[in-house]
């Protein structure tokens, strides 16, 4: 799956270059559903970061919530650190509590 992740990242970059960032959404969705949990979480962070940069905060939050379904707080600390920082920067008390509840 490491090679698949690598290929998807290349495909996403090329699509962004030639067709624009919004055209990468379908590729991200397909990749996240096809890859193993670890690779899927990596792409969720990348995808959420892109959506955040475009100002799509609710979409980024939904992506992070999706990825959190397979993220063990003890084993996948990097994921939870990113999610926590995201909520501290863009969320409110309610969304932060929701993130903690999922964790």
PDB file of N, CA and C in Angstrom:
ATOM      1  N   UNK A   1       0.808  -1.202   0.000  1.00  0.00           N
ATOM      2  CA  UNK A   1       0.000   0.000   0.000  1.00  0.00           C
ATOM      3  C   UNK A   1       0.853   1.268   0.000  1.00  0.00           C
ATOM      4  N   UNK A   2       2.102   1.132   0.367  1.00  0.00           N
ATOM      5  CA  UNK A   2       3.009   2.290   0.337  1.00  0.00           C
ATOM      6  C   UNK A   2       3.166   2.803  -1.092  1.00  0.00           C
ATOM      7  N   UNK A   3       3.262   1.877  -2.047  1.00  0.00           N
ATOM      8  CA  UNK A   3       3.372   2.278  -3.452  1.00  0.00           C
ATOM      9  C   UNK A   3       2.075   2.904  -3.955  1.00  0.00           C
ATOM     10  N   UNK A   4       0.954   2.355  -3.526  1.00  0.00           N
ATOM     11  CA  UNK A   4      -0.338   2.923  -3.911  1.00  0.00           C
ATOM     12  C   UNK A   4      -0.469   4.352  -3.406  1.00  0.00           C
ATOM     13  N   UNK A   5      -0.077   4.569  -2.154  1.00  0.00           N
ATOM     14  CA  UNK A   5      -0.132   5.904  -1.567  1.00  0.00           C
ATOM     15  C   UNK A   5       0.743   6.859  -2.375  1.00  0.00           C
ATOM     16  N   UNK A   6       1.934   6.420  -2.698  1.00  0.00           N
ATOM     17  CA  UNK A   6       2.858   7.231  -3.489  1.00  0.00           C
ATOM     18  C   UNK A   6       2.245   7.597  -4.838  1.00  0.00           C
ATOM     19  N   UNK A   7       1.638   6.614  -5.501  1.00  0.00           N
ATOM     20  CA  UNK A   7       1.031   6.856  -6.811  1.00  0.00           C
ATOM     21  C   UNK A   7      -0.163   7.804  -6.708  1.00  0.00           C
ATOM     22  N   UNK A   8      -0.975   7.629  -5.678  1.00  0.00           N
ATOM     23  CA  UNK A   8      -2.104   8.538  -5.492  1.00  0.00           C
ATOM     24  C   UNK A   8      -1.627   9.975  -5.265  1.00  0.00           C
ATOM     25  N   UNK A   9      -0.563  10.133  -4.490  1.00  0.00           N
ATOM     26  CA  UNK A   9      -0.039  11.481  -4.243  1.00  0.00           C
ATOM     27  C   UNK A   9       0.435  12.134  -5.540  1.00  0.00           C
ATOM     28  N   UNK A  10       1.080  11.356  -6.401  1.00  0.00           N
ATOM     29  CA  UNK A  10       1.510  11.876  -7.705  1.00  0.00           C
ATOM     30  C   UNK A  10       0.293  12.243  -8.552  1.00  0.00           C
ATOM     31  N   UNK A  11      -0.692  11.361  -8.576  1.00  0.00           N
ATOM     32  CA  UNK A  11      -1.911  11.600  -9.339  1.00  0.00           C
ATOM     33  C   UNK A  11      -2.611  12.870  -8.850  1.00  0.00           C
ATOM     34  N   UNK A  12      -2.671  13.052  -7.551  1.00  0.00           N
ATOM     35  CA  UNK A  12      -3.300  14.238  -6.968  1.00  0.00           C
ATOM     36  C   UNK A  12      -2.536  15.500  -7.383  1.00  0.00           C
ATOM     37  N   UNK A  13      -1.214  15.466  -7.298  1.00  0.00           N
ATOM     38  CA  UNK A  13      -0.407  16.641  -7.678  1.00  0.00           C
ATOM     39  C   UNK A  13      -0.578  16.985  -9.152  1.00  0.00           C
ATOM     40  N   UNK A  14      -0.559  15.972 -10.012  1.00  0.00           N
ATOM     41  CA  UNK A  14      -0.713  16.213 -11.456  1.00  0.00           C
ATOM     42  C   UNK A  14      -2.105  16.764 -11.766  1.00  0.00           C
ATOM     43  N   UNK A  15      -3.116  16.212 -11.115  1.00  0.00           N
ATOM     44  CA  UNK A  15      -4.480  16.698 -11.327  1.00  0.00           C
ATOM     45  C   UNK A  15      -4.607  18.142 -10.875  1.00  0.00           C
ATOM     46  N   UNK A  16      -4.028  18.457  -9.726  1.00  0.00           N
ATOM     47  CA  UNK A  16      -4.046  19.835  -9.229  1.00  0.00           C
ATOM     48  C   UNK A  16      -3.363  20.773 -10.221  1.00  0.00           C
ATOM     49  N   UNK A  17      -2.242  20.343 -10.745  1.00  0.00           N
ATOM     50  CA  UNK A  17      -1.467  21.163 -11.674  1.00  0.00           C
ATOM     51  C   UNK A  17      -2.245  21.456 -12.957  1.00  0.00           C
ATOM     52  N   UNK A  18      -2.890  20.428 -13.518  1.00  0.00           N
ATOM     53  CA  UNK A  18      -3.535  20.578 -14.815  1.00  0.00           C
ATOM     54  C   UNK A  18      -5.004  21.002 -14.749  1.00  0.00           C
ATOM     55  N   UNK A  19      -5.709  20.632 -13.677  1.00  0.00           N
ATOM     56  CA  UNK A  19      -7.150  20.872 -13.632  1.00  0.00           C
ATOM     57  C   UNK A  19      -7.621  21.711 -12.443  1.00  0.00           C
ATOM     58  N   UNK A  20      -6.732  21.960 -11.494  1.00  0.00           N
ATOM     59  CA  UNK A  20      -7.119  22.747 -10.331  1.00  0.00           C
ATOM     60  C   UNK A  20      -7.384  21.880  -9.111  1.00  0.00           C
ATOM     61  N   UNK A  21      -7.308  22.515  -7.977  1.00  0.00           N
ATOM     62  CA  UNK A  21      -7.385  21.795  -6.704  1.00  0.00           C
ATOM     63  C   UNK A  21      -8.741  21.129  -6.479  1.00  0.00           C
ATOM     64  N   UNK A  22      -9.811  21.759  -6.934  1.00  0.00           N
ATOM     65  CA  UNK A  22     -11.129  21.170  -6.664  1.00  0.00           C
ATOM     66  C   UNK A  22     -11.344  19.845  -7.395  1.00  0.00           C
ATOM     67  N   UNK A  23     -10.635  19.635  -8.465  1.00  0.00           N
ATOM     68  CA  UNK A  23     -10.757  18.371  -9.210  1.00  0.00           C
ATOM     69  C   UNK A  23     -10.074  17.209  -8.475  1.00  0.00           C
ATOM     70  N   UNK A  24      -9.302  17.513  -7.451  1.00  0.00           N
ATOM     71  CA  UNK A  24      -8.622  16.440  -6.714  1.00  0.00           C
ATOM     72  C   UNK A  24      -9.536  15.768  -5.701  1.00  0.00           C
ATOM     73  N   UNK A  25     -10.669  16.356  -5.395  1.00  0.00           N
ATOM     74  CA  UNK A  25     -11.557  15.809  -4.357  1.00  0.00           C
ATOM     75  C   UNK A  25     -11.975  14.371  -4.649  1.00  0.00           C
ATOM     76  N   UNK A  26     -12.366  14.099  -5.868  1.00  0.00           N
ATOM     77  CA  UNK A  26     -12.805  12.744  -6.231  1.00  0.00           C
ATOM     78  C   UNK A  26     -11.657  11.746  -6.065  1.00  0.00           C
ATOM     79  N   UNK A  27     -10.450  12.167  -6.377  1.00  0.00           N
ATOM     80  CA  UNK A  27      -9.281  11.289  -6.243  1.00  0.00           C
ATOM     81  C   UNK A  27      -9.008  11.017  -4.769  1.00  0.00           C
ATOM     82  N   UNK A  28      -9.044  12.060  -3.953  1.00  0.00           N
ATOM     83  CA  UNK A  28      -8.856  11.874  -2.518  1.00  0.00           C
ATOM     84  C   UNK A  28      -9.894  10.893  -1.960  1.00  0.00           C
ATOM     85  N   UNK A  29     -11.164  11.103  -2.323  1.00  0.00           N
ATOM     86  CA  UNK A  29     -12.228  10.238  -1.804  1.00  0.00           C
ATOM     87  C   UNK A  29     -11.997   8.783  -2.182  1.00  0.00           C
ATOM     88  N   UNK A  30     -11.630   8.550  -3.429  1.00  0.00           N
ATOM     89  CA  UNK A  30     -11.385   7.176  -3.890  1.00  0.00           C
ATOM     90  C   UNK A  30     -10.179   6.572  -3.173  1.00  0.00           C
ATOM     91  N   UNK A  31      -9.110   7.338  -3.062  1.00  0.00           N
ATOM     92  CA  UNK A  31      -7.889   6.842  -2.416  1.00  0.00           C
ATOM     93  C   UNK A  31      -8.140   6.508  -0.946  1.00  0.00           C
ATOM     94  N   UNK A  32      -8.844   7.379  -0.253  1.00  0.00           N
ATOM     95  CA  UNK A  32      -9.112   7.152   1.170  1.00  0.00           C
ATOM     96  C   UNK A  32      -9.929   5.884   1.365  1.00  0.00           C
ATOM     97  N   UNK A  33     -10.848   5.613   0.453  1.00  0.00           N
ATOM     98  CA  UNK A  33     -11.667   4.403   0.593  1.00  0.00           C
ATOM     99  C   UNK A  33     -10.912   3.139   0.200  1.00  0.00           C
ATOM    100  N   UNK A  34      -9.887   3.248  -0.640  1.00  0.00           N
ATOM    101  CA  UNK A  34      -9.181   2.066  -1.134  1.00  0.00           C
ATOM    102  C   UNK A  34      -7.934   1.682  -0.327  1.00  0.00           C
ATOM    103  N   UNK A  35      -7.286   2.663   0.280  1.00  0.00           N
ATOM    104  CA  UNK A  35      -6.011   2.399   0.957  1.00  0.00           C
ATOM    105  C   UNK A  35      -6.214   1.820   2.354  1.00  0.00           C
ATOM    106  N   UNK A  36      -5.136   1.266   2.895  1.00  0.00           N
ATOM    107  CA  UNK A  36      -5.200   0.759   4.263  1.00  0.00           C
ATOM    108  C   UNK A  36      -5.394   1.922   5.236  1.00  0.00           C
ATOM    109  N   UNK A  37      -5.690   1.604   6.481  1.00  0.00           N
ATOM    110  CA  UNK A  37      -6.022   2.629   7.474  1.00  0.00           C
ATOM    111  C   UNK A  37      -4.913   3.655   7.658  1.00  0.00           C
ATOM    112  N   UNK A  38      -3.668   3.193   7.743  1.00  0.00           N
ATOM    113  CA  UNK A  38      -2.544   4.107   7.956  1.00  0.00           C
ATOM    114  C   UNK A  38      -2.414   5.094   6.795  1.00  0.00           C
ATOM    115  N   UNK A  39      -2.405   4.580   5.578  1.00  0.00           N
ATOM    116  CA  UNK A  39      -2.274   5.438   4.391  1.00  0.00           C
ATOM    117  C   UNK A  39      -3.473   6.352   4.243  1.00  0.00           C
ATOM    118  N   UNK A  40      -4.639   5.834   4.558  1.00  0.00           N
ATOM    119  CA  UNK A  40      -5.861   6.627   4.488  1.00  0.00           C
ATOM    120  C   UNK A  40      -5.811   7.811   5.456  1.00  0.00           C
ATOM    121  N   UNK A  41      -5.317   7.578   6.654  1.00  0.00           N
ATOM    122  CA  UNK A  41      -5.184   8.674   7.624  1.00  0.00           C
ATOM    123  C   UNK A  41      -4.199   9.727   7.141  1.00  0.00           C
ATOM    124  N   UNK A  42      -3.111   9.304   6.523  1.00  0.00           N
ATOM    125  CA  UNK A  42      -2.143  10.263   5.982  1.00  0.00           C
ATOM    126  C   UNK A  42      -2.804  11.152   4.926  1.00  0.00           C
ATOM    127  N   UNK A  43      -3.587  10.528   4.054  1.00  0.00           N
ATOM    128  CA  UNK A  43      -4.269  11.306   3.022  1.00  0.00           C
ATOM    129  C   UNK A  43      -5.360  12.191   3.613  1.00  0.00           C
ATOM    130  N   UNK A  44      -6.010  11.735   4.676  1.00  0.00           N
ATOM    131  CA  UNK A  44      -7.026  12.573   5.330  1.00  0.00           C
ATOM    132  C   UNK A  44      -6.398  13.866   5.838  1.00  0.00           C
ATOM    133  N   UNK A  45      -5.220  13.775   6.418  1.00  0.00           N
ATOM    134  CA  UNK A  45      -4.542  14.973   6.900  1.00  0.00           C
ATOM    135  C   UNK A  45      -4.184  15.891   5.727  1.00  0.00           C
ATOM    136  N   UNK A  46      -3.647  15.319   4.663  1.00  0.00           N
ATOM    137  CA  UNK A  46      -3.296  16.109   3.479  1.00  0.00           C
ATOM    138  C   UNK A  46      -4.539  16.765   2.873  1.00  0.00           C
ATOM    139  N   UNK A  47      -5.585  15.997   2.729  1.00  0.00           N
ATOM    140  CA  UNK A  47      -6.847  16.472   2.162  1.00  0.00           C
ATOM    141  C   UNK A  47      -7.444  17.582   3.040  1.00  0.00           C
ATOM    142  N   UNK A  48      -7.492  17.357   4.343  1.00  0.00           N
ATOM    143  CA  UNK A  48      -8.039  18.362   5.262  1.00  0.00           C
ATOM    144  C   UNK A  48      -7.214  19.645   5.219  1.00  0.00           C
ATOM    145  N   UNK A  49      -5.913  19.504   5.097  1.00  0.00           N
ATOM    146  CA  UNK A  49      -5.051  20.685   5.039  1.00  0.00           C
ATOM    147  C   UNK A  49      -5.327  21.506   3.776  1.00  0.00           C
ATOM    148  N   UNK A  50      -5.529  20.838   2.671  1.00  0.00           N
ATOM    149  CA  UNK A  50      -5.848  21.531   1.420  1.00  0.00           C
ATOM    150  C   UNK A  50      -7.198  22.244   1.546  1.00  0.00           C
ATOM    151  N   UNK A  51      -8.187  21.543   2.092  1.00  0.00           N
ATOM    152  CA  UNK A  51      -9.505  22.154   2.259  1.00  0.00           C
ATOM    153  C   UNK A  51      -9.430  23.346   3.216  1.00  0.00           C
ATOM    154  N   UNK A  52      -8.639  23.228   4.259  1.00  0.00           N
ATOM    155  CA  UNK A  52      -8.457  24.322   5.221  1.00  0.00           C
ATOM    156  C   UNK A  52      -7.874  25.546   4.521  1.00  0.00           C
ATOM    157  N   UNK A  53      -6.878  25.327   3.686  1.00  0.00           N
ATOM    158  CA  UNK A  53      -6.252  26.434   2.964  1.00  0.00           C
ATOM    159  C   UNK A  53      -7.215  27.110   1.995  1.00  0.00           C
ATOM    160  N   UNK A  54      -8.209  26.373   1.518  1.00  0.00           N
ATOM    161  CA  UNK A  54      -9.213  26.948   0.627  1.00  0.00           C
ATOM    162  C   UNK A  54     -10.355  27.588   1.419  1.00  0.00           C
ATOM    163  N   UNK A  55     -10.279  27.522   2.738  1.00  0.00           N
ATOM    164  CA  UNK A  55     -11.320  28.113   3.577  1.00  0.00           C
ATOM    165  C   UNK A  55     -12.499  27.210   3.836  1.00  0.00           C
ATOM    166  N   UNK A  56     -12.390  25.964   3.440  1.00  0.00           N
ATOM    167  CA  UNK A  56     -13.464  24.985   3.617  1.00  0.00           C
ATOM    168  C   UNK A  56     -13.290  24.272   4.964  1.00  0.00           C
ATOM    169  N   UNK A  57     -13.502  24.994   6.048  1.00  0.00           N
ATOM    170  CA  UNK A  57     -13.237  24.488   7.390  1.00  0.00           C
ATOM    171  C   UNK A  57     -14.172  23.324   7.749  1.00  0.00           C
ATOM    172  N   UNK A  58     -15.450  23.446   7.442  1.00  0.00           N
ATOM    173  CA  UNK A  58     -16.389  22.361   7.767  1.00  0.00           C
ATOM    174  C   UNK A  58     -16.066  21.093   6.987  1.00  0.00           C
ATOM    175  N   UNK A  59     -15.677  21.249   5.743  1.00  0.00           N
ATOM    176  CA  UNK A  59     -15.293  20.084   4.932  1.00  0.00           C
ATOM    177  C   UNK A  59     -14.029  19.441   5.503  1.00  0.00           C
ATOM    178  N   UNK A  60     -13.062  20.256   5.891  1.00  0.00           N
ATOM    179  CA  UNK A  60     -11.825  19.734   6.488  1.00  0.00           C
ATOM    180  C   UNK A  60     -12.133  18.989   7.774  1.00  0.00           C
ATOM    181  N   UNK A  61     -13.022  19.543   8.595  1.00  0.00           N
ATOM    182  CA  UNK A  61     -13.394  18.894   9.852  1.00  0.00           C
ATOM    183  C   UNK A  61     -14.052  17.534   9.582  1.00  0.00           C
ATOM    184  N   UNK A  62     -14.924  17.480   8.588  1.00  0.00           N
ATOM    185  CA  UNK A  62     -15.591  16.218   8.239  1.00  0.00           C
ATOM    186  C   UNK A  62     -14.576  15.173   7.779  1.00  0.00           C
ATOM    187  N   UNK A  63     -13.579  15.587   7.050  1.00  0.00           N
ATOM    188  CA  UNK A  63     -12.528  14.672   6.590  1.00  0.00           C
ATOM    189  C   UNK A  63     -11.749  14.139   7.789  1.00  0.00           C
ATOM    190  N   UNK A  64     -11.407  15.021   8.709  1.00  0.00           N
ATOM    191  CA  UNK A  64     -10.671  14.598   9.904  1.00  0.00           C
ATOM    192  C   UNK A  64     -11.517  13.665  10.769  1.00  0.00           C
ATOM    193  N   UNK A  65     -12.800  13.944  10.877  1.00  0.00           N
ATOM    194  CA  UNK A  65     -13.681  13.045  11.635  1.00  0.00           C
ATOM    195  C   UNK A  65     -13.745  11.671  10.979  1.00  0.00           C
ATOM    196  N   UNK A  66     -13.786  11.657   9.662  1.00  0.00           N
ATOM    197  CA  UNK A  66     -13.797  10.370   8.944  1.00  0.00           C
ATOM    198  C   UNK A  66     -12.519   9.582   9.237  1.00  0.00           C
ATOM    199  N   UNK A  67     -11.382  10.245   9.125  1.00  0.00           N
ATOM    200  CA  UNK A  67     -10.108   9.574   9.390  1.00  0.00           C
ATOM    201  C   UNK A  67      -9.956   9.138  10.838  1.00  0.00           C
ATOM    202  N   UNK A  68     -10.600   9.842  11.743  1.00  0.00           N
ATOM    203  CA  UNK A  68     -10.468   9.513  13.166  1.00  0.00           C
ATOM    204  C   UNK A  68     -11.113   8.180  13.521  1.00  0.00           C
ATOM    205  N   UNK A  69     -11.970   7.667  12.660  1.00  0.00           N
ATOM    206  CA  UNK A  69     -12.632   6.392  12.924  1.00  0.00           C
ATOM    207  C   UNK A  69     -11.644   5.238  13.033  1.00  0.00           C
ATOM    208  N   UNK A  70     -10.492   5.382  12.410  1.00  0.00           N
ATOM    209  CA  UNK A  70      -9.488   4.317  12.458  1.00  0.00           C
ATOM    210  C   UNK A  70      -8.225   4.747  13.203  1.00  0.00           C
ATOM    211  N   UNK A  71      -8.270   5.913  13.845  1.00  0.00           N
ATOM    212  CA  UNK A  71      -7.079   6.455  14.515  1.00  0.00           C
ATOM    213  C   UNK A  71      -7.125   6.140  16.008  1.00  0.00           C
ATOM    214  N   UNK A  72      -6.230   5.291  16.442  1.00  0.00           N
ATOM    215  CA  UNK A  72      -6.107   4.957  17.859  1.00  0.00           C
ATOM    216  C   UNK A  72      -5.313   6.065  18.550  1.00  0.00           C
ATOM    217  N   UNK A  73      -5.887   6.694  19.573  1.00  0.00           N
ATOM    218  CA  UNK A  73      -5.194   7.807  20.234  1.00  0.00           C
ATOM    219  C   UNK A  73      -3.813   7.440  20.792  1.00  0.00           C
ATOM    220  N   UNK A  74      -3.606   6.190  21.154  1.00  0.00           N
ATOM    221  CA  UNK A  74      -2.301   5.780  21.685  1.00  0.00           C
ATOM    222  C   UNK A  74      -1.292   5.511  20.582  1.00  0.00           C
ATOM    223  N   UNK A  75      -1.767   4.968  19.493  1.00  0.00           N
ATOM    224  CA  UNK A  75      -0.871   4.575  18.412  1.00  0.00           C
ATOM    225  C   UNK A  75      -0.705   5.661  17.342  1.00  0.00           C
ATOM    226  N   UNK A  76      -1.734   6.435  17.116  1.00  0.00           N
ATOM    227  CA  UNK A  76      -1.737   7.421  16.039  1.00  0.00           C
ATOM    228  C   UNK A  76      -1.726   8.841  16.601  1.00  0.00           C
ATOM    229  N   UNK A  77      -0.753   9.115  17.435  1.00  0.00           N
ATOM    230  CA  UNK A  77      -0.698  10.399  18.129  1.00  0.00           C
ATOM    231  C   UNK A  77      -0.541  11.574  17.171  1.00  0.00           C
ATOM    232  N   UNK A  78       0.196  11.395  16.092  1.00  0.00           N
ATOM    233  CA  UNK A  78       0.381  12.486  15.128  1.00  0.00           C
ATOM    234  C   UNK A  78      -0.954  12.933  14.550  1.00  0.00           C
ATOM    235  N   UNK A  79      -1.827  11.977  14.274  1.00  0.00           N
ATOM    236  CA  UNK A  79      -3.146  12.306  13.733  1.00  0.00           C
ATOM    237  C   UNK A  79      -3.923  13.163  14.725  1.00  0.00           C
ATOM    238  N   UNK A  80      -3.912  12.733  15.976  1.00  0.00           N
ATOM    239  CA  UNK A  80      -4.680  13.448  16.998  1.00  0.00           C
ATOM    240  C   UNK A  80      -4.069  14.805  17.329  1.00  0.00           C
ATOM    241  N   UNK A  81      -2.777  14.910  17.252  1.00  0.00           N
ATOM    242  CA  UNK A  81      -2.133  16.216  17.458  1.00  0.00           C
ATOM    243  C   UNK A  81      -2.572  17.187  16.360  1.00  0.00           C
ATOM    244  N   UNK A  82      -2.577  16.711  15.115  1.00  0.00           N
ATOM    245  CA  UNK A  82      -3.017  17.559  14.000  1.00  0.00           C
ATOM    246  C   UNK A  82      -4.477  17.975  14.197  1.00  0.00           C
ATOM    247  N   UNK A  83      -5.323  17.011  14.529  1.00  0.00           N
ATOM    248  CA  UNK A  83      -6.744  17.280  14.717  1.00  0.00           C
ATOM    249  C   UNK A  83      -6.949  18.297  15.858  1.00  0.00           C
ATOM    250  N   UNK A  84      -6.226  18.130  16.936  1.00  0.00           N
ATOM    251  CA  UNK A  84      -6.340  19.046  18.076  1.00  0.00           C
ATOM    252  C   UNK A  84      -5.907  20.467  17.666  1.00  0.00           C
ATOM    253  N   UNK A  85      -4.799  20.572  16.966  1.00  0.00           N
ATOM    254  CA  UNK A  85      -4.327  21.884  16.516  1.00  0.00           C
ATOM    255  C   UNK A  85      -5.328  22.525  15.550  1.00  0.00           C
ATOM    256  N   UNK A  86      -5.920  21.697  14.695  1.00  0.00           N
ATOM    257  CA  UNK A  86      -6.936  22.186  13.770  1.00  0.00           C
ATOM    258  C   UNK A  86      -8.099  22.801  14.540  1.00  0.00           C
ATOM    259  N   UNK A  87      -8.601  22.068  15.530  1.00  0.00           N
ATOM    260  CA  UNK A  87      -9.743  22.564  16.313  1.00  0.00           C
ATOM    261  C   UNK A  87      -9.378  23.793  17.143  1.00  0.00           C
ATOM    262  N   UNK A  88      -8.173  23.842  17.655  1.00  0.00           N
ATOM    263  CA  UNK A  88      -7.751  25.020  18.412  1.00  0.00           C
ATOM    264  C   UNK A  88      -7.695  26.253  17.522  1.00  0.00           C
ATOM    265  N   UNK A  89      -7.312  26.068  16.275  1.00  0.00           N
ATOM    266  CA  UNK A  89      -7.199  27.187  15.347  1.00  0.00           C
ATOM    267  C   UNK A  89      -8.527  27.577  14.705  1.00  0.00           C
ATOM    268  N   UNK A  90      -9.364  26.600  14.414  1.00  0.00           N
ATOM    269  CA  UNK A  90     -10.546  26.862  13.588  1.00  0.00           C
ATOM    270  C   UNK A  90     -11.871  26.515  14.242  1.00  0.00           C
ATOM    271  N   UNK A  91     -11.814  25.868  15.377  1.00  0.00           N
ATOM    272  CA  UNK A  91     -13.052  25.417  15.987  1.00  0.00           C
ATOM    273  C   UNK A  91     -13.530  26.324  17.099  1.00  0.00           C
ATOM    274  N   UNK A  92     -14.523  25.832  17.777  1.00  0.00           N
ATOM    275  CA  UNK A  92     -15.034  26.498  18.955  1.00  0.00           C
ATOM    276  C   UNK A  92     -15.111  25.464  20.079  1.00  0.00           C
ATOM    277  N   UNK A  93     -15.642  25.856  21.187  1.00  0.00           N
ATOM    278  CA  UNK A  93     -15.683  24.946  22.330  1.00  0.00           C
ATOM    279  C   UNK A  93     -16.453  23.661  22.007  1.00  0.00           C
ATOM    280  N   UNK A  94     -17.531  23.801  21.270  1.00  0.00           N
ATOM    281  CA  UNK A  94     -18.357  22.643  20.925  1.00  0.00           C
ATOM    282  C   UNK A  94     -17.619  21.669  19.993  1.00  0.00           C
ATOM    283  N   UNK A  95     -16.987  22.195  18.939  1.00  0.00           N
ATOM    284  CA  UNK A  95     -16.290  21.305  17.996  1.00  0.00           C
ATOM    285  C   UNK A  95     -15.070  20.671  18.660  1.00  0.00           C
ATOM    286  N   UNK A  96     -14.432  21.410  19.588  1.00  0.00           N
ATOM    287  CA  UNK A  96     -13.293  20.850  20.299  1.00  0.00           C
ATOM    288  C   UNK A  96     -13.764  19.702  21.190  1.00  0.00           C
ATOM    289  N   UNK A  97     -14.891  19.894  21.868  1.00  0.00           N
ATOM    290  CA  UNK A  97     -15.437  18.814  22.701  1.00  0.00           C
ATOM    291  C   UNK A  97     -15.830  17.603  21.853  1.00  0.00           C
ATOM    292  N   UNK A  98     -16.376  17.853  20.673  1.00  0.00           N
ATOM    293  CA  UNK A  98     -16.731  16.757  19.765  1.00  0.00           C
ATOM    294  C   UNK A  98     -15.496  15.952  19.385  1.00  0.00           C
ATOM    295  N   UNK A  99     -14.400  16.656  19.100  1.00  0.00           N
ATOM    296  CA  UNK A  99     -13.149  15.979  18.752  1.00  0.00           C
ATOM    297  C   UNK A  99     -12.671  15.129  19.932  1.00  0.00           C
ATOM    298  N   UNK A 100     -12.724  15.684  21.130  1.00  0.00           N
ATOM    299  CA  UNK A 100     -12.293  14.923  22.316  1.00  0.00           C
ATOM    300  C   UNK A 100     -13.187  13.709  22.548  1.00  0.00           C
ATOM    301  N   UNK A 101     -14.464  13.844  22.303  1.00  0.00           N
ATOM    302  CA  UNK A 101     -15.401  12.733  22.485  1.00  0.00           C
ATOM    303  C   UNK A 101     -15.082  11.600  21.519  1.00  0.00           C
ATOM    304  N   UNK A 102     -14.755  11.947  20.278  1.00  0.00           N
ATOM    305  CA  UNK A 102     -14.403  10.939  19.278  1.00  0.00           C
ATOM    306  C   UNK A 102     -13.097  10.263  19.653  1.00  0.00           C
ATOM    307  N   UNK A 103     -12.187  11.034  20.181  1.00  0.00           N
ATOM    308  CA  UNK A 103     -10.866  10.513  20.558  1.00  0.00           C
ATOM    309  C   UNK A 103     -11.041   9.507  21.669  1.00  0.00           C
TER     310      UNK A 103
END
